Amino acid sequence: MTSLISLASLVLTRIAILLTMTGLLLSACGSTPPVKTYTIGLVNYVSVLEPVLEGFKARMVELGYGEGQNITSIYHGVLATASEVIKPEVQSLLNQKVVTCS
């Protein structure tokens, strides 16, 4: 009688493990893929272009690209127009493999 109870307990344990594994596998198959994210580098050297930058950001939101959701913007404000300031900024973004807009 004891061996019958032990056998039943063993069978129930194996069934529970099998059901758990099946559930885990099925939930993994139905999971959504991770959201693709982008990092965008913005370089501006003329303050008059700030409204253009804001328009760009607004249009990105309209297209479904939200800051902190699926895009990250790197923007250090209006830079001096001198190439010795702009070139290193652009090069830094390129080194980070960031999409640049200027």
PDB file of N, CA and C in Angstrom:
ATOM      1  N   MET A   1       0.816  -1.185   0.000  1.00  0.00           N
ATOM      2  CA  MET A   1       0.000   0.000   0.000  1.00  0.00           C
ATOM      3  C   MET A   1       0.868   1.261   0.000  1.00  0.00           C
ATOM      4  N   THR A   2       1.945   1.243   0.801  1.00  0.00           N
ATOM      5  CA  THR A   2       2.840   2.398   0.859  1.00  0.00           C
ATOM      6  C   THR A   2       3.534   2.615  -0.478  1.00  0.00           C
ATOM      7  N   SER A   3       3.923   1.533  -1.135  1.00  0.00           N
ATOM      8  CA  SER A   3       4.581   1.687  -2.421  1.00  0.00           C
ATOM      9  C   SER A   3       3.614   2.232  -3.465  1.00  0.00           C
ATOM     10  N   LEU A   4       2.355   1.911  -3.348  1.00  0.00           N
ATOM     11  CA  LEU A   4       1.338   2.442  -4.251  1.00  0.00           C
ATOM     12  C   LEU A   4       1.168   3.949  -4.042  1.00  0.00           C
ATOM     13  N   ILE A   5       1.194   4.376  -2.799  1.00  0.00           N
ATOM     14  CA  ILE A   5       1.086   5.809  -2.482  1.00  0.00           C
ATOM     15  C   ILE A   5       2.332   6.535  -2.974  1.00  0.00           C
ATOM     16  N   SER A   6       3.497   5.941  -2.782  1.00  0.00           N
ATOM     17  CA  SER A   6       4.752   6.546  -3.263  1.00  0.00           C
ATOM     18  C   SER A   6       4.745   6.657  -4.776  1.00  0.00           C
ATOM     19  N   LEU A   7       4.259   5.640  -5.446  1.00  0.00           N
ATOM     20  CA  LEU A   7       4.188   5.650  -6.897  1.00  0.00           C
ATOM     21  C   LEU A   7       3.218   6.731  -7.380  1.00  0.00           C
ATOM     22  N   ALA A   8       2.072   6.842  -6.729  1.00  0.00           N
ATOM     23  CA  ALA A   8       1.093   7.871  -7.094  1.00  0.00           C
ATOM     24  C   ALA A   8       1.670   9.265  -6.862  1.00  0.00           C
ATOM     25  N   SER A   9       2.390   9.439  -5.772  1.00  0.00           N
ATOM     26  CA  SER A   9       3.015  10.723  -5.469  1.00  0.00           C
ATOM     27  C   SER A   9       4.064  11.074  -6.518  1.00  0.00           C
ATOM     28  N   LEU A  10       4.850  10.098  -6.917  1.00  0.00           N
ATOM     29  CA  LEU A  10       5.867  10.296  -7.938  1.00  0.00           C
ATOM     30  C   LEU A  10       5.232  10.683  -9.275  1.00  0.00           C
ATOM     31  N   VAL A  11       4.162   9.998  -9.641  1.00  0.00           N
ATOM     32  CA  VAL A  11       3.462  10.280 -10.899  1.00  0.00           C
ATOM     33  C   VAL A  11       2.877  11.694 -10.864  1.00  0.00           C
ATOM     34  N   LEU A  12       2.251  12.075  -9.760  1.00  0.00           N
ATOM     35  CA  LEU A  12       1.679  13.413  -9.639  1.00  0.00           C
ATOM     36  C   LEU A  12       2.762  14.494  -9.704  1.00  0.00           C
ATOM     37  N   THR A  13       3.895  14.240  -9.088  1.00  0.00           N
ATOM     38  CA  THR A  13       5.008  15.192  -9.136  1.00  0.00           C
ATOM     39  C   THR A  13       5.492  15.368 -10.563  1.00  0.00           C
ATOM     40  N   ARG A  14       5.635  14.274 -11.284  1.00  0.00           N
ATOM     41  CA  ARG A  14       6.096  14.358 -12.677  1.00  0.00           C
ATOM     42  C   ARG A  14       5.076  15.061 -13.564  1.00  0.00           C
ATOM     43  N   ILE A  15       3.811  14.816 -13.329  1.00  0.00           N
ATOM     44  CA  ILE A  15       2.767  15.503 -14.101  1.00  0.00           C
ATOM     45  C   ILE A  15       2.813  17.007 -13.817  1.00  0.00           C
ATOM     46  N   ALA A  16       2.996  17.385 -12.557  1.00  0.00           N
ATOM     47  CA  ALA A  16       3.078  18.796 -12.197  1.00  0.00           C
ATOM     48  C   ALA A  16       4.270  19.458 -12.879  1.00  0.00           C
ATOM     49  N   ILE A  17       5.409  18.776 -12.888  1.00  0.00           N
ATOM     50  CA  ILE A  17       6.606  19.312 -13.552  1.00  0.00           C
ATOM     51  C   ILE A  17       6.365  19.437 -15.049  1.00  0.00           C
ATOM     52  N   LEU A  18       5.754  18.437 -15.650  1.00  0.00           N
ATOM     53  CA  LEU A  18       5.461  18.461 -17.079  1.00  0.00           C
ATOM     54  C   LEU A  18       4.524  19.612 -17.436  1.00  0.00           C
ATOM     55  N   LEU A  19       3.484  19.811 -16.637  1.00  0.00           N
ATOM     56  CA  LEU A  19       2.546  20.905 -16.889  1.00  0.00           C
ATOM     57  C   LEU A  19       3.223  22.264 -16.726  1.00  0.00           C
ATOM     58  N   THR A  20       4.082  22.388 -15.720  1.00  0.00           N
ATOM     59  CA  THR A  20       4.806  23.643 -15.519  1.00  0.00           C
ATOM     60  C   THR A  20       5.717  23.942 -16.709  1.00  0.00           C
ATOM     61  N   MET A  21       6.462  22.950 -17.159  1.00  0.00           N
ATOM     62  CA  MET A  21       7.353  23.139 -18.310  1.00  0.00           C
ATOM     63  C   MET A  21       6.561  23.490 -19.569  1.00  0.00           C
ATOM     64  N   THR A  22       5.443  22.826 -19.777  1.00  0.00           N
ATOM     65  CA  THR A  22       4.602  23.118 -20.939  1.00  0.00           C
ATOM     66  C   THR A  22       4.097  24.557 -20.881  1.00  0.00           C
ATOM     67  N   GLY A  23       3.658  24.986 -19.715  1.00  0.00           N
ATOM     68  CA  GLY A  23       3.191  26.363 -19.549  1.00  0.00           C
ATOM     69  C   GLY A  23       4.283  27.378 -19.825  1.00  0.00           C
ATOM     70  N   LEU A  24       5.478  27.108 -19.342  1.00  0.00           N
ATOM     71  CA  LEU A  24       6.597  28.018 -19.594  1.00  0.00           C
ATOM     72  C   LEU A  24       6.945  28.095 -21.069  1.00  0.00           C
ATOM     73  N   LEU A  25       6.964  26.959 -21.734  1.00  0.00           N
ATOM     74  CA  LEU A  25       7.266  26.950 -23.159  1.00  0.00           C
ATOM     75  C   LEU A  25       6.205  27.689 -23.967  1.00  0.00           C
ATOM     76  N   LEU A  26       4.956  27.471 -23.644  1.00  0.00           N
ATOM     77  CA  LEU A  26       3.879  28.136 -24.382  1.00  0.00           C
ATOM     78  C   LEU A  26       3.885  29.640 -24.133  1.00  0.00           C
ATOM     79  N   SER A  27       4.179  30.064 -22.940  1.00  0.00           N
ATOM     80  CA  SER A  27       4.213  31.509 -22.677  1.00  0.00           C
ATOM     81  C   SER A  27       5.396  32.163 -23.379  1.00  0.00           C
ATOM     82  N   ALA A  28       6.506  31.443 -23.533  1.00  0.00           N
ATOM     83  CA  ALA A  28       7.659  31.983 -24.249  1.00  0.00           C
ATOM     84  C   ALA A  28       7.349  32.135 -25.733  1.00  0.00           C
ATOM     85  N   CYS A  29       6.563  31.233 -26.289  1.00  0.00           N
ATOM     86  CA  CYS A  29       6.216  31.306 -27.711  1.00  0.00           C
ATOM     87  C   CYS A  29       5.302  32.491 -28.003  1.00  0.00           C
ATOM     88  N   GLY A  30       4.485  32.879 -27.065  1.00  0.00           N
ATOM     89  CA  GLY A  30       3.535  33.954 -27.298  1.00  0.00           C
ATOM     90  C   GLY A  30       4.034  35.324 -26.871  1.00  0.00           C
ATOM     91  N   SER A  31       5.271  35.412 -26.401  1.00  0.00           N
ATOM     92  CA  SER A  31       5.760  36.705 -25.920  1.00  0.00           C
ATOM     93  C   SER A  31       6.048  37.639 -27.082  1.00  0.00           C
ATOM     94  N   THR A  32       5.947  38.927 -26.825  1.00  0.00           N
ATOM     95  CA  THR A  32       6.197  39.917 -27.860  1.00  0.00           C
ATOM     96  C   THR A  32       7.689  40.198 -27.955  1.00  0.00           C
ATOM     97  N   PRO A  33       8.181  40.485 -29.149  1.00  0.00           N
ATOM     98  CA  PRO A  33       9.608  40.778 -29.293  1.00  0.00           C
ATOM     99  C   PRO A  33       9.931  42.116 -28.618  1.00  0.00           C
ATOM    100  N   PRO A  34      11.176  42.304 -28.221  1.00  0.00           N
ATOM    101  CA  PRO A  34      11.541  43.565 -27.578  1.00  0.00           C
ATOM    102  C   PRO A  34      11.373  44.742 -28.538  1.00  0.00           C
ATOM    103  N   VAL A  35      11.049  45.894 -27.992  1.00  0.00           N
ATOM    104  CA  VAL A  35      10.858  47.103 -28.793  1.00  0.00           C
ATOM    105  C   VAL A  35      12.212  47.568 -29.307  1.00  0.00           C
ATOM    106  N   LYS A  36      12.288  47.844 -30.604  1.00  0.00           N
ATOM    107  CA  LYS A  36      13.524  48.357 -31.194  1.00  0.00           C
ATOM    108  C   LYS A  36      13.672  49.813 -30.787  1.00  0.00           C
ATOM    109  N   THR A  37      14.847  50.176 -30.307  1.00  0.00           N
ATOM    110  CA  THR A  37      15.095  51.555 -29.893  1.00  0.00           C
ATOM    111  C   THR A  37      16.185  52.178 -30.761  1.00  0.00           C
ATOM    112  N   TYR A  38      16.111  53.481 -30.897  1.00  0.00           N
ATOM    113  CA  TYR A  38      17.066  54.238 -31.699  1.00  0.00           C
ATOM    114  C   TYR A  38      17.613  55.385 -30.867  1.00  0.00           C
ATOM    115  N   THR A  39      18.871  55.726 -31.120  1.00  0.00           N
ATOM    116  CA  THR A  39      19.466  56.904 -30.506  1.00  0.00           C
ATOM    117  C   THR A  39      19.776  57.882 -31.625  1.00  0.00           C
ATOM    118  N   ILE A  40      19.294  59.109 -31.470  1.00  0.00           N
ATOM    119  CA  ILE A  40      19.452  60.136 -32.501  1.00  0.00           C
ATOM    120  C   ILE A  40      20.286  61.268 -31.935  1.00  0.00           C
ATOM    121  N   GLY A  41      21.340  61.627 -32.652  1.00  0.00           N
ATOM    122  CA  GLY A  41      22.170  62.769 -32.272  1.00  0.00           C
ATOM    123  C   GLY A  41      21.749  63.992 -33.058  1.00  0.00           C
ATOM    124  N   LEU A  42      21.487  65.069 -32.362  1.00  0.00           N
ATOM    125  CA  LEU A  42      21.049  66.309 -33.002  1.00  0.00           C
ATOM    126  C   LEU A  42      22.134  67.369 -32.815  1.00  0.00           C
ATOM    127  N   VAL A  43      22.555  67.967 -33.917  1.00  0.00           N
ATOM    128  CA  VAL A  43      23.592  68.992 -33.878  1.00  0.00           C
ATOM    129  C   VAL A  43      23.003  70.268 -34.466  1.00  0.00           C
ATOM    130  N   ASN A  44      23.045  71.321 -33.683  1.00  0.00           N
ATOM    131  CA  ASN A  44      22.489  72.603 -34.119  1.00  0.00           C
ATOM    132  C   ASN A  44      23.529  73.682 -33.840  1.00  0.00           C
ATOM    133  N   TYR A  45      23.805  74.503 -34.838  1.00  0.00           N
ATOM    134  CA  TYR A  45      24.796  75.562 -34.662  1.00  0.00           C
ATOM    135  C   TYR A  45      24.223  76.965 -34.893  1.00  0.00           C
ATOM    136  N   VAL A  46      22.894  77.046 -35.064  1.00  0.00           N
ATOM    137  CA  VAL A  46      22.244  78.334 -35.250  1.00  0.00           C
ATOM    138  C   VAL A  46      20.962  78.339 -34.416  1.00  0.00           C
ATOM    139  N   SER A  47      20.835  79.292 -33.491  1.00  0.00           N
ATOM    140  CA  SER A  47      19.679  79.299 -32.587  1.00  0.00           C
ATOM    141  C   SER A  47      18.354  79.474 -33.325  1.00  0.00           C
ATOM    142  N   VAL A  48      18.394  80.061 -34.491  1.00  0.00           N
ATOM    143  CA  VAL A  48      17.166  80.275 -35.250  1.00  0.00           C
ATOM    144  C   VAL A  48      16.559  78.943 -35.709  1.00  0.00           C
ATOM    145  N   LEU A  49      17.332  77.855 -35.662  1.00  0.00           N
ATOM    146  CA  LEU A  49      16.832  76.544 -36.081  1.00  0.00           C
ATOM    147  C   LEU A  49      16.171  75.767 -34.944  1.00  0.00           C
ATOM    148  N   GLU A  50      16.086  76.343 -33.772  1.00  0.00           N
ATOM    149  CA  GLU A  50      15.432  75.651 -32.649  1.00  0.00           C
ATOM    150  C   GLU A  50      13.985  75.256 -32.971  1.00  0.00           C
ATOM    151  N   PRO A  51      13.181  76.133 -33.622  1.00  0.00           N
ATOM    152  CA  PRO A  51      11.818  75.710 -33.989  1.00  0.00           C
ATOM    153  C   PRO A  51      11.810  74.514 -34.955  1.00  0.00           C
ATOM    154  N   VAL A  52      12.807  74.424 -35.811  1.00  0.00           N
ATOM    155  CA  VAL A  52      12.904  73.285 -36.723  1.00  0.00           C
ATOM    156  C   VAL A  52      13.131  72.009 -35.916  1.00  0.00           C
ATOM    157  N   LEU A  53      13.991  72.096 -34.926  1.00  0.00           N
ATOM    158  CA  LEU A  53      14.255  70.954 -34.053  1.00  0.00           C
ATOM    159  C   LEU A  53      12.983  70.525 -33.323  1.00  0.00           C
ATOM    160  N   GLU A  54      12.241  71.484 -32.806  1.00  0.00           N
ATOM    161  CA  GLU A  54      10.984  71.169 -32.112  1.00  0.00           C
ATOM    162  C   GLU A  54       9.974  70.545 -33.075  1.00  0.00           C
ATOM    163  N   GLY A  55       9.920  71.037 -34.303  1.00  0.00           N
ATOM    164  CA  GLY A  55       9.041  70.451 -35.314  1.00  0.00           C
ATOM    165  C   GLY A  55       9.437  69.022 -35.651  1.00  0.00           C
ATOM    166  N   PHE A  56      10.742  68.784 -35.730  1.00  0.00           N
ATOM    167  CA  PHE A  56      11.256  67.431 -35.983  1.00  0.00           C
ATOM    168  C   PHE A  56      10.804  66.488 -34.876  1.00  0.00           C
ATOM    169  N   LYS A  57      10.984  66.919 -33.632  1.00  0.00           N
ATOM    170  CA  LYS A  57      10.598  66.084 -32.494  1.00  0.00           C
ATOM    171  C   LYS A  57       9.089  65.829 -32.482  1.00  0.00           C
ATOM    172  N   ALA A  58       8.299  66.854 -32.785  1.00  0.00           N
ATOM    173  CA  ALA A  58       6.837  66.707 -32.809  1.00  0.00           C
ATOM    174  C   ALA A  58       6.413  65.706 -33.892  1.00  0.00           C
ATOM    175  N   ARG A  59       7.048  65.788 -35.047  1.00  0.00           N
ATOM    176  CA  ARG A  59       6.704  64.873 -36.139  1.00  0.00           C
ATOM    177  C   ARG A  59       7.111  63.437 -35.792  1.00  0.00           C
ATOM    178  N   MET A  60       8.233  63.286 -35.108  1.00  0.00           N
ATOM    179  CA  MET A  60       8.661  61.955 -34.680  1.00  0.00           C
ATOM    180  C   MET A  60       7.605  61.332 -33.759  1.00  0.00           C
ATOM    181  N   VAL A  61       7.055  62.146 -32.859  1.00  0.00           N
ATOM    182  CA  VAL A  61       6.001  61.652 -31.960  1.00  0.00           C
ATOM    183  C   VAL A  61       4.779  61.240 -32.777  1.00  0.00           C
ATOM    184  N   GLU A  62       4.402  62.055 -33.765  1.00  0.00           N
ATOM    185  CA  GLU A  62       3.265  61.713 -34.626  1.00  0.00           C
ATOM    186  C   GLU A  62       3.490  60.385 -35.347  1.00  0.00           C
ATOM    187  N   LEU A  63       4.735  60.094 -35.671  1.00  0.00           N
ATOM    188  CA  LEU A  63       5.065  58.850 -36.379  1.00  0.00           C
ATOM    189  C   LEU A  63       5.241  57.662 -35.435  1.00  0.00           C
ATOM    190  N   GLY A  64       5.069  57.914 -34.132  1.00  0.00           N
ATOM    191  CA  GLY A  64       5.141  56.826 -33.169  1.00  0.00           C
ATOM    192  C   GLY A  64       6.486  56.640 -32.485  1.00  0.00           C
ATOM    193  N   TYR A  65       7.365  57.625 -32.621  1.00  0.00           N
ATOM    194  CA  TYR A  65       8.678  57.553 -31.981  1.00  0.00           C
ATOM    195  C   TYR A  65       8.706  58.495 -30.791  1.00  0.00           C
ATOM    196  N   GLY A  66       8.593  57.931 -29.594  1.00  0.00           N
ATOM    197  CA  GLY A  66       8.528  58.750 -28.389  1.00  0.00           C
ATOM    198  C   GLY A  66       9.837  58.744 -27.621  1.00  0.00           C
ATOM    199  N   GLU A  67      10.253  59.914 -27.187  1.00  0.00           N
ATOM    200  CA  GLU A  67      11.461  60.054 -26.367  1.00  0.00           C
ATOM    201  C   GLU A  67      11.308  59.213 -25.109  1.00  0.00           C
ATOM    202  N   GLY A  68      12.287  58.366 -24.857  1.00  0.00           N
ATOM    203  CA  GLY A  68      12.246  57.512 -23.684  1.00  0.00           C
ATOM    204  C   GLY A  68      11.475  56.216 -23.893  1.00  0.00           C
ATOM    205  N   GLN A  69      10.757  56.101 -25.008  1.00  0.00           N
ATOM    206  CA  GLN A  69      10.017  54.863 -25.302  1.00  0.00           C
ATOM    207  C   GLN A  69      10.789  54.035 -26.320  1.00  0.00           C
ATOM    208  N   ASN A  70      10.951  54.602 -27.516  1.00  0.00           N
ATOM    209  CA  ASN A  70      11.692  53.874 -28.535  1.00  0.00           C
ATOM    210  C   ASN A  70      12.783  54.721 -29.192  1.00  0.00           C
ATOM    211  N   ILE A  71      12.948  55.972 -28.728  1.00  0.00           N
ATOM    212  CA  ILE A  71      14.080  56.783 -29.174  1.00  0.00           C
ATOM    213  C   ILE A  71      14.686  57.520 -27.984  1.00  0.00           C
ATOM    214  N   THR A  72      15.965  57.798 -28.129  1.00  0.00           N
ATOM    215  CA  THR A  72      16.694  58.635 -27.186  1.00  0.00           C
ATOM    216  C   THR A  72      17.416  59.680 -28.014  1.00  0.00           C
ATOM    217  N   SER A  73      17.259  60.944 -27.645  1.00  0.00           N
ATOM    218  CA  SER A  73      17.931  62.023 -28.367  1.00  0.00           C
ATOM    219  C   SER A  73      19.134  62.495 -27.568  1.00  0.00           C
ATOM    220  N   ILE A  74      20.223  62.737 -28.289  1.00  0.00           N
ATOM    221  CA  ILE A  74      21.397  63.365 -27.689  1.00  0.00           C
ATOM    222  C   ILE A  74      21.496  64.745 -28.306  1.00  0.00           C
ATOM    223  N   TYR A  75      21.332  65.760 -27.485  1.00  0.00           N
ATOM    224  CA  TYR A  75      21.354  67.134 -27.967  1.00  0.00           C
ATOM    225  C   TYR A  75      22.032  67.993 -26.915  1.00  0.00           C
ATOM    226  N   HIS A  76      23.086  68.671 -27.312  1.00  0.00           N
ATOM    227  CA  HIS A  76      23.847  69.503 -26.383  1.00  0.00           C
ATOM    228  C   HIS A  76      23.601  70.993 -26.589  1.00  0.00           C
ATOM    229  N   GLY A  77      22.470  71.333 -27.149  1.00  0.00           N
ATOM    230  CA  GLY A  77      22.132  72.736 -27.336  1.00  0.00           C
ATOM    231  C   GLY A  77      22.794  73.322 -28.577  1.00  0.00           C
ATOM    232  N   VAL A  78      22.621  74.623 -28.734  1.00  0.00           N
ATOM    233  CA  VAL A  78      23.178  75.324 -29.890  1.00  0.00           C
ATOM    234  C   VAL A  78      24.691  75.441 -29.693  1.00  0.00           C
ATOM    235  N   LEU A  79      25.443  74.965 -30.679  1.00  0.00           N
ATOM    236  CA  LEU A  79      26.899  75.012 -30.630  1.00  0.00           C
ATOM    237  C   LEU A  79      27.403  76.242 -31.367  1.00  0.00           C
ATOM    238  N   ALA A  80      28.625  76.586 -31.131  1.00  0.00           N
ATOM    239  CA  ALA A  80      29.252  77.663 -31.893  1.00  0.00           C
ATOM    240  C   ALA A  80      29.365  77.226 -33.347  1.00  0.00           C
ATOM    241  N   THR A  81      29.399  78.199 -34.249  1.00  0.00           N
ATOM    242  CA  THR A  81      29.447  77.861 -35.677  1.00  0.00           C
ATOM    243  C   THR A  81      30.830  77.433 -36.139  1.00  0.00           C
ATOM    244  N   ALA A  82      31.807  77.534 -35.283  1.00  0.00           N
ATOM    245  CA  ALA A  82      33.176  77.174 -35.661  1.00  0.00           C
ATOM    246  C   ALA A  82      33.296  75.669 -35.887  1.00  0.00           C
ATOM    247  N   SER A  83      34.005  75.304 -36.944  1.00  0.00           N
ATOM    248  CA  SER A  83      34.140  73.889 -37.270  1.00  0.00           C
ATOM    249  C   SER A  83      34.903  73.130 -36.190  1.00  0.00           C
ATOM    250  N   GLU A  84      35.779  73.809 -35.426  1.00  0.00           N
ATOM    251  CA  GLU A  84      36.502  73.114 -34.356  1.00  0.00           C
ATOM    252  C   GLU A  84      35.587  72.725 -33.202  1.00  0.00           C
ATOM    253  N   VAL A  85      34.374  73.253 -33.184  1.00  0.00           N
ATOM    254  CA  VAL A  85      33.374  72.858 -32.185  1.00  0.00           C
ATOM    255  C   VAL A  85      32.430  71.808 -32.757  1.00  0.00           C
ATOM    256  N   ILE A  86      32.001  72.013 -33.993  1.00  0.00           N
ATOM    257  CA  ILE A  86      31.007  71.131 -34.610  1.00  0.00           C
ATOM    258  C   ILE A  86      31.599  69.768 -34.972  1.00  0.00           C
ATOM    259  N   LYS A  87      32.777  69.764 -35.582  1.00  0.00           N
ATOM    260  CA  LYS A  87      33.369  68.495 -36.025  1.00  0.00           C
ATOM    261  C   LYS A  87      33.560  67.500 -34.883  1.00  0.00           C
ATOM    262  N   PRO A  88      34.116  67.907 -33.742  1.00  0.00           N
ATOM    263  CA  PRO A  88      34.252  66.928 -32.651  1.00  0.00           C
ATOM    264  C   PRO A  88      32.906  66.410 -32.137  1.00  0.00           C
ATOM    265  N   GLU A  89      31.895  67.269 -32.129  1.00  0.00           N
ATOM    266  CA  GLU A  89      30.557  66.846 -31.681  1.00  0.00           C
ATOM    267  C   GLU A  89      30.003  65.775 -32.612  1.00  0.00           C
ATOM    268  N   VAL A  90      30.091  66.023 -33.911  1.00  0.00           N
ATOM    269  CA  VAL A  90      29.600  65.056 -34.895  1.00  0.00           C
ATOM    270  C   VAL A  90      30.425  63.774 -34.820  1.00  0.00           C
ATOM    271  N   GLN A  91      31.739  63.899 -34.698  1.00  0.00           N
ATOM    272  CA  GLN A  91      32.598  62.719 -34.616  1.00  0.00           C
ATOM    273  C   GLN A  91      32.281  61.887 -33.383  1.00  0.00           C
ATOM    274  N   SER A  92      31.998  62.547 -32.272  1.00  0.00           N
ATOM    275  CA  SER A  92      31.629  61.838 -31.038  1.00  0.00           C
ATOM    276  C   SER A  92      30.357  61.027 -31.242  1.00  0.00           C
ATOM    277  N   LEU A  93      29.383  61.608 -31.913  1.00  0.00           N
ATOM    278  CA  LEU A  93      28.132  60.900 -32.189  1.00  0.00           C
ATOM    279  C   LEU A  93      28.365  59.727 -33.142  1.00  0.00           C
ATOM    280  N   LEU A  94      29.184  59.947 -34.161  1.00  0.00           N
ATOM    281  CA  LEU A  94      29.477  58.874 -35.106  1.00  0.00           C
ATOM    282  C   LEU A  94      30.224  57.730 -34.416  1.00  0.00           C
ATOM    283  N   ASN A  95      31.116  58.066 -33.502  1.00  0.00           N
ATOM    284  CA  ASN A  95      31.848  57.028 -32.758  1.00  0.00           C
ATOM    285  C   ASN A  95      30.905  56.180 -31.911  1.00  0.00           C
ATOM    286  N   GLN A  96      29.804  56.789 -31.475  1.00  0.00           N
ATOM    287  CA  GLN A  96      28.811  56.071 -30.690  1.00  0.00           C
ATOM    288  C   GLN A  96      27.815  55.325 -31.572  1.00  0.00           C
ATOM    289  N   LYS A  97      28.024  55.412 -32.900  1.00  0.00           N
ATOM    290  CA  LYS A  97      27.124  54.800 -33.887  1.00  0.00           C
ATOM    291  C   LYS A  97      25.695  55.339 -33.744  1.00  0.00           C
ATOM    292  N   VAL A  98      25.627  56.641 -33.591  1.00  0.00           N
ATOM    293  CA  VAL A  98      24.364  57.333 -33.435  1.00  0.00           C
ATOM    294  C   VAL A  98      23.971  57.932 -34.774  1.00  0.00           C
ATOM    295  N   VAL A  99      22.685  57.891 -35.107  1.00  0.00           N
ATOM    296  CA  VAL A  99      22.173  58.567 -36.294  1.00  0.00           C
ATOM    297  C   VAL A  99      22.267  60.063 -36.022  1.00  0.00           C
ATOM    298  N   THR A 100      22.855  60.817 -36.939  1.00  0.00           N
ATOM    299  CA  THR A 100      23.021  62.253 -36.710  1.00  0.00           C
ATOM    300  C   THR A 100      22.142  63.069 -37.635  1.00  0.00           C
ATOM    301  N   CYS A 101      21.652  64.168 -37.119  1.00  0.00           N
ATOM    302  CA  CYS A 101      20.882  65.133 -37.905  1.00  0.00           C
ATOM    303  C   CYS A 101      21.487  66.495 -37.628  1.00  0.00           C
ATOM    304  N   SER A 102      21.820  67.224 -38.656  1.00  0.00           N
ATOM    305  CA  SER A 102      22.371  68.570 -38.429  1.00  0.00           C
ATOM    306  C   SER A 102      21.740  69.556 -39.383  1.00  0.00           C
TER     307      SER A 102
END
